[in-house]
């Protein structure tokens, strides 16, 4: 199998001692060019070597999460079932456009435009600014389906259409 990316030597260690490695494309595919540096993965199990899928910017994919097909994960938010509660709360507040202090000097984290999750925010999550839902999870339950897609139908001042 021809590889489309490699794990580079650049790595980072998360608070829970998980080591992630930055990826780099070794061939052109889709809009990704050879030599493009991407986000971070824990292992090659997190990003398929097939299709146009990619992890961009400083996005992290790890644990049981897997990116495949034509999916693209970008920017800097990651929420998994393994994300510590305090970190998850911080990310969700940023996604909801709440001001979150970054330090004692009054700086704040920038809001998050995108949020990707795997079986974490299916029910009970309320962020009226959500305007796009992409489901990559099958369900035979109409109730659960309505709850998941309903996140994108809420009225909010920042939306032009719902």
N, C-alpha and C. Protein backbone atom coordinates (compact mmCIF):
# COMPACT_ATOMS: atom_id res chain seq x y z
N UNK A 1 0.84 -1.18 0.00
CA UNK A 1 0.00 0.00 0.00
C UNK A 1 0.89 1.25 0.00
N UNK A 2 0.62 2.15 -0.90
CA UNK A 2 1.37 3.41 -0.95
C UNK A 2 0.88 4.31 0.18
N UNK A 3 1.81 4.92 0.85
CA UNK A 3 1.44 5.83 1.94
C UNK A 3 1.20 7.23 1.40
N UNK A 4 0.24 7.94 1.98
CA UNK A 4 0.00 9.33 1.58
C UNK A 4 0.57 10.29 2.63
N UNK A 5 0.87 9.79 3.82
CA UNK A 5 1.46 10.64 4.86
C UNK A 5 2.38 9.81 5.73
N UNK A 6 3.22 10.52 6.47
CA UNK A 6 4.10 9.88 7.46
C UNK A 6 3.95 10.60 8.79
N UNK A 7 4.39 9.95 9.84
CA UNK A 7 4.48 10.60 11.15
C UNK A 7 5.85 11.26 11.21
N UNK A 8 5.89 12.53 11.56
CA UNK A 8 7.17 13.23 11.65
C UNK A 8 7.77 13.06 13.04
N UNK A 9 8.92 13.61 13.24
CA UNK A 9 9.56 13.57 14.56
C UNK A 9 8.97 14.58 15.53
N UNK A 10 8.23 15.56 14.97
CA UNK A 10 7.63 16.57 15.86
C UNK A 10 6.49 15.92 16.63
N UNK A 11 6.55 16.03 17.94
CA UNK A 11 5.52 15.41 18.76
C UNK A 11 5.15 16.32 19.92
N UNK A 12 4.03 16.00 20.51
CA UNK A 12 3.62 16.70 21.73
C UNK A 12 2.98 15.68 22.65
N UNK A 13 3.09 15.93 23.93
CA UNK A 13 2.54 15.03 24.92
C UNK A 13 1.40 15.76 25.63
N UNK A 14 0.24 15.13 25.65
CA UNK A 14 -0.93 15.71 26.30
C UNK A 14 -0.86 15.49 27.80
N UNK A 15 -1.75 16.18 28.52
CA UNK A 15 -1.75 16.09 29.98
C UNK A 15 -1.87 14.66 30.50
N UNK A 16 -2.58 13.81 29.76
CA UNK A 16 -2.77 12.44 30.22
C UNK A 16 -1.70 11.49 29.68
N UNK A 17 -0.51 12.05 29.37
CA UNK A 17 0.66 11.29 28.89
C UNK A 17 0.44 10.57 27.57
N UNK A 18 -0.46 11.08 26.74
CA UNK A 18 -0.64 10.55 25.39
C UNK A 18 0.29 11.34 24.47
N UNK A 19 1.10 10.63 23.69
CA UNK A 19 2.02 11.27 22.77
C UNK A 19 1.40 11.31 21.38
N UNK A 20 1.38 12.50 20.79
CA UNK A 20 0.85 12.69 19.44
C UNK A 20 1.99 13.10 18.52
N UNK A 21 1.88 12.69 17.25
CA UNK A 21 2.91 12.97 16.26
C UNK A 21 2.31 13.79 15.12
N UNK A 22 3.04 14.81 14.69
CA UNK A 22 2.58 15.61 13.56
C UNK A 22 2.70 14.78 12.28
N UNK A 23 1.76 14.99 11.37
CA UNK A 23 1.78 14.25 10.11
C UNK A 23 2.27 15.14 8.97
N UNK A 24 2.77 14.50 7.90
CA UNK A 24 3.20 15.23 6.72
C UNK A 24 2.86 14.40 5.48
N UNK A 25 2.27 15.05 4.49
CA UNK A 25 1.91 14.38 3.24
C UNK A 25 3.17 14.03 2.46
N UNK A 26 3.20 12.82 1.90
CA UNK A 26 4.35 12.40 1.09
C UNK A 26 3.98 12.29 -0.39
N UNK A 27 2.70 12.52 -0.71
CA UNK A 27 2.23 12.56 -2.10
C UNK A 27 1.13 13.62 -2.18
N UNK A 28 0.83 14.08 -3.39
CA UNK A 28 -0.31 14.97 -3.61
C UNK A 28 -1.60 14.15 -3.59
N UNK A 29 -2.64 14.65 -2.91
CA UNK A 29 -3.97 14.04 -2.97
C UNK A 29 -4.99 15.12 -2.63
N UNK A 30 -6.07 15.19 -3.41
CA UNK A 30 -7.07 16.23 -3.20
C UNK A 30 -6.43 17.59 -3.23
N UNK A 31 -6.68 18.39 -2.22
CA UNK A 31 -6.07 19.73 -2.13
C UNK A 31 -4.78 19.73 -1.32
N UNK A 32 -4.40 18.57 -0.81
CA UNK A 32 -3.18 18.45 0.00
C UNK A 32 -2.00 18.16 -0.93
N UNK A 33 -0.96 18.93 -0.79
CA UNK A 33 0.23 18.78 -1.63
C UNK A 33 1.34 18.06 -0.86
N UNK A 34 2.19 17.37 -1.57
CA UNK A 34 3.34 16.70 -0.97
C UNK A 34 4.14 17.70 -0.13
N UNK A 35 4.49 17.31 1.07
CA UNK A 35 5.25 18.18 1.96
C UNK A 35 4.39 18.99 2.90
N UNK A 36 3.06 18.99 2.68
CA UNK A 36 2.16 19.72 3.58
C UNK A 36 2.20 19.10 4.97
N UNK A 37 2.41 19.94 5.96
CA UNK A 37 2.42 19.49 7.35
C UNK A 37 1.00 19.62 7.88
N UNK A 38 0.53 18.56 8.52
CA UNK A 38 -0.84 18.54 9.04
C UNK A 38 -0.89 18.61 10.54
N UNK A 39 -1.96 18.06 11.09
CA UNK A 39 -2.18 18.06 12.53
C UNK A 39 -1.44 16.92 13.21
N UNK A 40 -2.03 16.43 14.30
CA UNK A 40 -1.37 15.43 15.14
C UNK A 40 -2.23 14.19 15.29
N UNK A 41 -1.57 13.02 15.30
CA UNK A 41 -2.25 11.75 15.57
C UNK A 41 -1.45 10.97 16.60
N UNK A 42 -2.14 10.05 17.25
CA UNK A 42 -1.46 9.18 18.20
C UNK A 42 -0.76 8.05 17.44
N UNK A 43 -1.41 7.56 16.38
CA UNK A 43 -0.82 6.49 15.57
C UNK A 43 -1.45 6.53 14.18
N UNK A 44 -0.94 5.71 13.29
CA UNK A 44 -1.49 5.66 11.93
C UNK A 44 -2.89 5.06 11.92
N UNK A 45 -3.34 4.49 13.02
CA UNK A 45 -4.72 3.99 13.13
C UNK A 45 -5.72 5.15 13.15
N UNK A 46 -5.28 6.35 13.48
CA UNK A 46 -6.19 7.50 13.59
C UNK A 46 -6.49 8.18 12.26
N UNK A 47 -5.70 7.92 11.21
CA UNK A 47 -5.91 8.56 9.91
C UNK A 47 -5.65 7.55 8.80
N UNK A 48 -6.68 7.32 7.99
CA UNK A 48 -6.57 6.36 6.90
C UNK A 48 -5.56 6.81 5.85
N UNK A 49 -4.88 5.86 5.25
CA UNK A 49 -3.97 6.14 4.14
C UNK A 49 -4.75 6.20 2.82
N UNK A 50 -6.04 5.92 2.85
CA UNK A 50 -6.88 5.91 1.66
C UNK A 50 -7.78 7.14 1.62
N UNK A 51 -8.30 7.46 0.45
CA UNK A 51 -9.24 8.57 0.31
C UNK A 51 -8.57 9.92 0.41
N UNK A 52 -9.41 10.95 0.58
CA UNK A 52 -8.93 12.33 0.65
C UNK A 52 -8.91 12.87 2.07
N UNK A 53 -9.12 12.01 3.05
CA UNK A 53 -9.18 12.47 4.44
C UNK A 53 -7.84 13.08 4.86
N UNK A 54 -7.93 14.05 5.78
CA UNK A 54 -6.73 14.77 6.24
C UNK A 54 -7.01 15.40 7.58
N UNK A 55 -5.96 15.61 8.34
CA UNK A 55 -6.01 16.33 9.61
C UNK A 55 -5.15 17.56 9.43
N UNK A 56 -5.75 18.73 9.51
CA UNK A 56 -5.06 19.98 9.19
C UNK A 56 -4.78 20.80 10.45
N UNK A 57 -4.02 21.86 10.25
CA UNK A 57 -3.73 22.84 11.29
C UNK A 57 -3.13 22.16 12.52
N UNK A 58 -3.66 22.47 13.69
CA UNK A 58 -3.17 21.87 14.92
C UNK A 58 -4.19 20.92 15.52
N UNK A 59 -5.06 20.36 14.68
CA UNK A 59 -6.07 19.41 15.16
C UNK A 59 -5.41 18.15 15.70
N UNK A 60 -6.00 17.58 16.72
CA UNK A 60 -5.51 16.35 17.33
C UNK A 60 -6.54 15.25 17.14
N UNK A 61 -6.09 14.07 16.74
CA UNK A 61 -6.96 12.90 16.65
C UNK A 61 -6.23 11.76 17.35
N UNK A 62 -6.89 11.18 18.35
CA UNK A 62 -6.23 10.13 19.12
C UNK A 62 -7.24 9.25 19.80
N UNK A 63 -6.74 8.29 20.55
CA UNK A 63 -7.64 7.34 21.20
C UNK A 63 -8.27 6.44 20.15
N UNK A 64 -9.57 6.23 20.27
CA UNK A 64 -10.29 5.36 19.34
C UNK A 64 -10.81 6.11 18.12
N UNK A 65 -10.56 7.41 18.03
CA UNK A 65 -11.05 8.20 16.90
C UNK A 65 -10.30 7.82 15.63
N UNK A 66 -11.03 7.78 14.51
CA UNK A 66 -10.42 7.44 13.22
C UNK A 66 -11.01 8.33 12.14
N UNK A 67 -10.17 8.92 11.31
CA UNK A 67 -10.59 9.78 10.21
C UNK A 67 -10.38 9.01 8.93
N UNK A 68 -11.43 8.95 8.10
CA UNK A 68 -11.33 8.18 6.86
C UNK A 68 -12.22 8.80 5.79
N UNK A 69 -12.26 8.16 4.62
CA UNK A 69 -13.08 8.66 3.51
C UNK A 69 -12.60 10.01 3.03
N UNK A 70 -13.50 10.98 2.99
CA UNK A 70 -13.16 12.34 2.56
C UNK A 70 -13.22 13.34 3.71
N UNK A 71 -13.24 12.86 4.95
CA UNK A 71 -13.36 13.73 6.11
C UNK A 71 -12.09 14.56 6.31
N UNK A 72 -12.26 15.80 6.72
CA UNK A 72 -11.14 16.68 7.04
C UNK A 72 -11.37 17.24 8.43
N UNK A 73 -10.40 17.07 9.30
CA UNK A 73 -10.45 17.63 10.65
C UNK A 73 -9.47 18.79 10.67
N UNK A 74 -9.93 19.96 11.14
CA UNK A 74 -9.04 21.12 11.10
C UNK A 74 -9.18 21.99 12.34
N UNK A 75 -8.35 22.97 12.41
CA UNK A 75 -8.25 23.93 13.52
C UNK A 75 -7.76 23.23 14.77
N UNK A 76 -8.25 23.62 15.94
CA UNK A 76 -7.57 23.12 17.13
C UNK A 76 -8.47 22.54 18.20
N UNK A 77 -9.63 22.06 17.86
CA UNK A 77 -10.50 21.49 18.89
C UNK A 77 -10.60 19.98 18.74
N UNK A 78 -10.53 19.29 19.87
CA UNK A 78 -10.72 17.85 19.90
C UNK A 78 -11.53 17.53 21.13
N UNK A 79 -12.57 16.74 20.95
CA UNK A 79 -13.35 16.25 22.08
C UNK A 79 -13.51 14.76 21.90
N UNK A 80 -13.03 13.98 22.85
CA UNK A 80 -13.21 12.54 22.83
C UNK A 80 -13.81 12.12 24.15
N UNK A 81 -14.25 10.89 24.22
CA UNK A 81 -14.76 10.37 25.49
C UNK A 81 -13.68 10.34 26.55
N UNK A 82 -12.43 10.42 26.12
CA UNK A 82 -11.31 10.38 27.04
C UNK A 82 -10.82 11.77 27.44
N UNK A 83 -11.43 12.82 26.88
CA UNK A 83 -11.01 14.18 27.21
C UNK A 83 -11.39 14.48 28.66
N UNK A 84 -10.45 14.93 29.48
CA UNK A 84 -10.78 15.26 30.87
C UNK A 84 -11.92 16.29 30.93
N UNK A 85 -12.77 16.17 31.92
CA UNK A 85 -13.97 17.01 32.03
C UNK A 85 -13.62 18.50 32.01
N UNK A 86 -12.56 18.92 32.67
CA UNK A 86 -12.22 20.34 32.72
C UNK A 86 -11.80 20.84 31.34
N UNK A 87 -11.05 20.02 30.58
CA UNK A 87 -10.64 20.41 29.23
C UNK A 87 -11.84 20.44 28.29
N UNK A 88 -12.72 19.46 28.42
CA UNK A 88 -13.93 19.41 27.59
C UNK A 88 -14.79 20.65 27.84
N UNK A 89 -14.94 21.03 29.12
CA UNK A 89 -15.73 22.21 29.45
C UNK A 89 -15.14 23.46 28.81
N UNK A 90 -13.83 23.61 28.86
CA UNK A 90 -13.16 24.76 28.25
C UNK A 90 -13.40 24.80 26.74
N UNK A 91 -13.24 23.68 26.06
CA UNK A 91 -13.46 23.62 24.62
C UNK A 91 -14.90 23.93 24.25
N UNK A 92 -15.84 23.39 24.99
CA UNK A 92 -17.25 23.63 24.69
C UNK A 92 -17.63 25.09 24.93
N UNK A 93 -17.08 25.71 25.97
CA UNK A 93 -17.34 27.13 26.22
C UNK A 93 -16.80 27.98 25.09
N UNK A 94 -15.60 27.64 24.59
CA UNK A 94 -15.03 28.38 23.46
C UNK A 94 -15.88 28.20 22.21
N UNK A 95 -16.39 26.99 21.98
CA UNK A 95 -17.23 26.73 20.83
C UNK A 95 -18.54 27.52 20.91
N UNK A 96 -19.07 27.71 22.11
CA UNK A 96 -20.31 28.46 22.31
C UNK A 96 -20.07 29.97 22.30
N UNK A 97 -18.85 30.38 21.94
CA UNK A 97 -18.45 31.79 21.86
C UNK A 97 -18.43 32.50 23.20
N UNK A 98 -18.25 31.76 24.28
CA UNK A 98 -18.11 32.38 25.60
C UNK A 98 -16.67 32.87 25.73
N UNK A 99 -16.46 33.95 26.44
CA UNK A 99 -15.11 34.44 26.69
C UNK A 99 -14.46 33.57 27.75
N UNK A 100 -13.29 33.04 27.40
CA UNK A 100 -12.57 32.14 28.30
C UNK A 100 -11.18 32.73 28.53
N UNK A 101 -10.85 33.01 29.78
CA UNK A 101 -9.56 33.60 30.12
C UNK A 101 -8.42 32.66 29.78
N UNK A 102 -7.39 33.23 29.14
CA UNK A 102 -6.22 32.44 28.77
C UNK A 102 -5.10 32.60 29.79
N UNK A 103 -5.10 33.74 30.50
CA UNK A 103 -4.03 33.99 31.48
C UNK A 103 -4.47 35.09 32.43
N UNK A 104 -3.58 35.49 33.31
CA UNK A 104 -3.90 36.51 34.32
C UNK A 104 -3.85 37.93 33.76
N UNK A 105 -3.42 38.10 32.51
CA UNK A 105 -3.29 39.42 31.91
C UNK A 105 -4.56 39.87 31.19
N UNK A 106 -5.61 39.09 31.26
CA UNK A 106 -6.86 39.45 30.62
C UNK A 106 -7.02 38.96 29.19
N UNK A 107 -6.02 38.23 28.68
CA UNK A 107 -6.15 37.67 27.33
C UNK A 107 -7.19 36.57 27.36
N UNK A 108 -7.86 36.38 26.23
CA UNK A 108 -8.84 35.31 26.13
C UNK A 108 -8.51 34.40 24.95
N UNK A 109 -8.95 33.15 25.05
CA UNK A 109 -8.80 32.22 23.93
C UNK A 109 -9.75 32.65 22.82
N UNK A 110 -9.33 32.42 21.58
CA UNK A 110 -10.24 32.73 20.48
C UNK A 110 -11.35 31.69 20.45
N UNK A 111 -12.54 32.08 19.98
CA UNK A 111 -13.64 31.12 19.88
C UNK A 111 -13.30 30.02 18.87
N UNK A 112 -13.92 28.88 19.03
CA UNK A 112 -13.72 27.78 18.10
C UNK A 112 -14.84 27.78 17.07
N UNK A 113 -14.47 27.65 15.81
CA UNK A 113 -15.45 27.65 14.73
C UNK A 113 -16.00 26.25 14.47
N UNK A 114 -15.16 25.24 14.67
CA UNK A 114 -15.55 23.86 14.39
C UNK A 114 -15.38 23.01 15.64
N UNK A 115 -16.21 21.99 15.73
CA UNK A 115 -16.12 21.05 16.84
C UNK A 115 -16.45 19.66 16.30
N UNK A 116 -15.55 18.73 16.50
CA UNK A 116 -15.75 17.35 16.07
C UNK A 116 -15.85 16.49 17.31
N UNK A 117 -16.81 15.59 17.34
CA UNK A 117 -16.90 14.70 18.48
C UNK A 117 -17.35 13.32 18.02
N UNK A 118 -17.07 12.33 18.82
CA UNK A 118 -17.47 10.96 18.54
C UNK A 118 -18.28 10.45 19.73
N UNK A 119 -19.59 10.36 19.54
CA UNK A 119 -20.50 9.84 20.56
C UNK A 119 -20.40 10.55 21.90
N UNK A 120 -20.08 11.83 21.89
CA UNK A 120 -19.98 12.57 23.15
C UNK A 120 -21.14 13.56 23.27
N UNK A 121 -21.45 14.27 22.21
CA UNK A 121 -22.44 15.35 22.28
C UNK A 121 -23.73 14.97 21.55
N UNK A 122 -24.19 13.75 21.70
CA UNK A 122 -25.38 13.32 20.98
C UNK A 122 -26.66 13.81 21.64
N UNK A 123 -26.73 13.83 22.96
CA UNK A 123 -27.93 14.28 23.66
C UNK A 123 -27.53 15.22 24.79
N UNK A 124 -28.41 16.17 25.08
CA UNK A 124 -28.19 17.07 26.20
C UNK A 124 -27.21 18.20 25.96
N UNK A 125 -26.70 18.35 24.77
CA UNK A 125 -25.74 19.42 24.45
C UNK A 125 -26.50 20.56 23.80
N UNK A 126 -26.32 21.79 24.30
CA UNK A 126 -27.03 22.93 23.75
C UNK A 126 -26.05 24.04 23.36
N UNK A 127 -25.95 24.28 22.07
CA UNK A 127 -25.15 25.39 21.53
C UNK A 127 -25.94 25.94 20.35
N UNK A 128 -26.80 26.94 20.59
CA UNK A 128 -27.67 27.46 19.53
C UNK A 128 -26.94 27.97 18.30
N UNK A 129 -25.64 28.28 18.41
CA UNK A 129 -24.89 28.79 17.26
C UNK A 129 -24.52 27.69 16.26
N UNK A 130 -24.80 26.43 16.55
CA UNK A 130 -24.50 25.34 15.62
C UNK A 130 -25.37 25.51 14.38
N UNK A 131 -24.74 25.50 13.21
CA UNK A 131 -25.53 25.63 11.99
C UNK A 131 -25.25 24.55 10.97
N UNK A 132 -24.42 23.59 11.32
CA UNK A 132 -24.14 22.48 10.42
C UNK A 132 -23.89 21.22 11.25
N UNK A 133 -24.57 20.16 10.89
CA UNK A 133 -24.40 18.87 11.55
C UNK A 133 -24.02 17.87 10.47
N UNK A 134 -22.94 17.15 10.69
CA UNK A 134 -22.55 16.08 9.79
C UNK A 134 -22.57 14.80 10.60
N UNK A 135 -23.46 13.89 10.26
CA UNK A 135 -23.56 12.63 11.00
C UNK A 135 -22.79 11.54 10.26
N UNK A 136 -21.89 10.93 10.94
CA UNK A 136 -21.15 9.80 10.39
C UNK A 136 -21.42 8.56 11.23
N UNK A 137 -22.57 8.59 11.88
CA UNK A 137 -22.93 7.51 12.79
C UNK A 137 -24.34 7.04 12.48
N UNK A 138 -24.53 5.76 12.22
CA UNK A 138 -25.87 5.26 11.96
C UNK A 138 -26.65 5.11 13.26
N UNK A 139 -27.96 5.23 13.17
CA UNK A 139 -28.82 4.94 14.31
C UNK A 139 -30.16 4.45 13.79
N UNK A 140 -30.74 3.51 14.49
CA UNK A 140 -32.06 3.01 14.14
C UNK A 140 -33.12 3.70 14.98
N UNK A 141 -32.70 4.62 15.84
CA UNK A 141 -33.62 5.30 16.75
C UNK A 141 -34.01 6.66 16.19
N UNK A 142 -35.28 6.83 15.78
CA UNK A 142 -35.71 8.16 15.29
C UNK A 142 -35.54 9.24 16.35
N UNK A 143 -35.79 8.92 17.61
CA UNK A 143 -35.65 9.91 18.67
C UNK A 143 -34.22 10.42 18.80
N UNK A 144 -33.27 9.51 18.80
CA UNK A 144 -31.86 9.90 18.89
C UNK A 144 -31.46 10.69 17.65
N UNK A 145 -31.93 10.27 16.47
CA UNK A 145 -31.62 10.98 15.23
C UNK A 145 -32.13 12.42 15.30
N UNK A 146 -33.37 12.62 15.75
CA UNK A 146 -33.92 13.98 15.85
C UNK A 146 -33.14 14.82 16.86
N UNK A 147 -32.72 14.21 17.96
CA UNK A 147 -31.93 14.96 18.94
C UNK A 147 -30.59 15.40 18.35
N UNK A 148 -29.95 14.51 17.59
CA UNK A 148 -28.63 14.85 17.03
C UNK A 148 -28.74 15.93 15.96
N UNK A 149 -29.66 15.80 15.02
CA UNK A 149 -29.76 16.81 13.96
C UNK A 149 -30.43 18.08 14.44
N UNK A 150 -31.21 17.97 15.51
CA UNK A 150 -31.89 19.15 16.06
C UNK A 150 -30.94 20.23 16.54
N UNK A 151 -29.70 19.84 16.82
CA UNK A 151 -28.70 20.82 17.26
C UNK A 151 -28.50 21.92 16.22
N UNK A 152 -28.67 21.58 14.95
CA UNK A 152 -28.44 22.56 13.89
C UNK A 152 -29.65 23.39 13.52
N UNK A 153 -30.82 23.06 14.06
CA UNK A 153 -32.04 23.76 13.68
C UNK A 153 -32.45 24.85 14.67
N UNK A 154 -31.73 25.03 15.73
CA UNK A 154 -32.10 26.04 16.71
C UNK A 154 -31.90 27.45 16.16
N UNK A 155 -32.76 28.36 16.56
CA UNK A 155 -32.67 29.75 16.13
C UNK A 155 -31.57 30.45 16.94
N UNK A 156 -30.76 31.26 16.25
CA UNK A 156 -29.70 32.01 16.92
C UNK A 156 -29.41 33.26 16.10
N UNK A 157 -29.05 34.35 16.77
CA UNK A 157 -28.81 35.63 16.10
C UNK A 157 -27.70 35.58 15.05
N UNK A 158 -26.76 34.66 15.21
CA UNK A 158 -25.65 34.59 14.25
C UNK A 158 -26.00 33.82 12.99
N UNK A 159 -27.16 33.19 12.96
CA UNK A 159 -27.56 32.40 11.80
C UNK A 159 -28.37 33.22 10.81
N UNK A 160 -28.06 33.04 9.54
CA UNK A 160 -28.84 33.68 8.48
C UNK A 160 -30.03 32.81 8.12
N UNK A 161 -29.82 31.51 8.20
CA UNK A 161 -30.87 30.54 7.89
C UNK A 161 -30.83 29.43 8.92
N UNK A 162 -31.97 28.78 9.12
CA UNK A 162 -31.98 27.58 9.98
C UNK A 162 -32.67 26.46 9.26
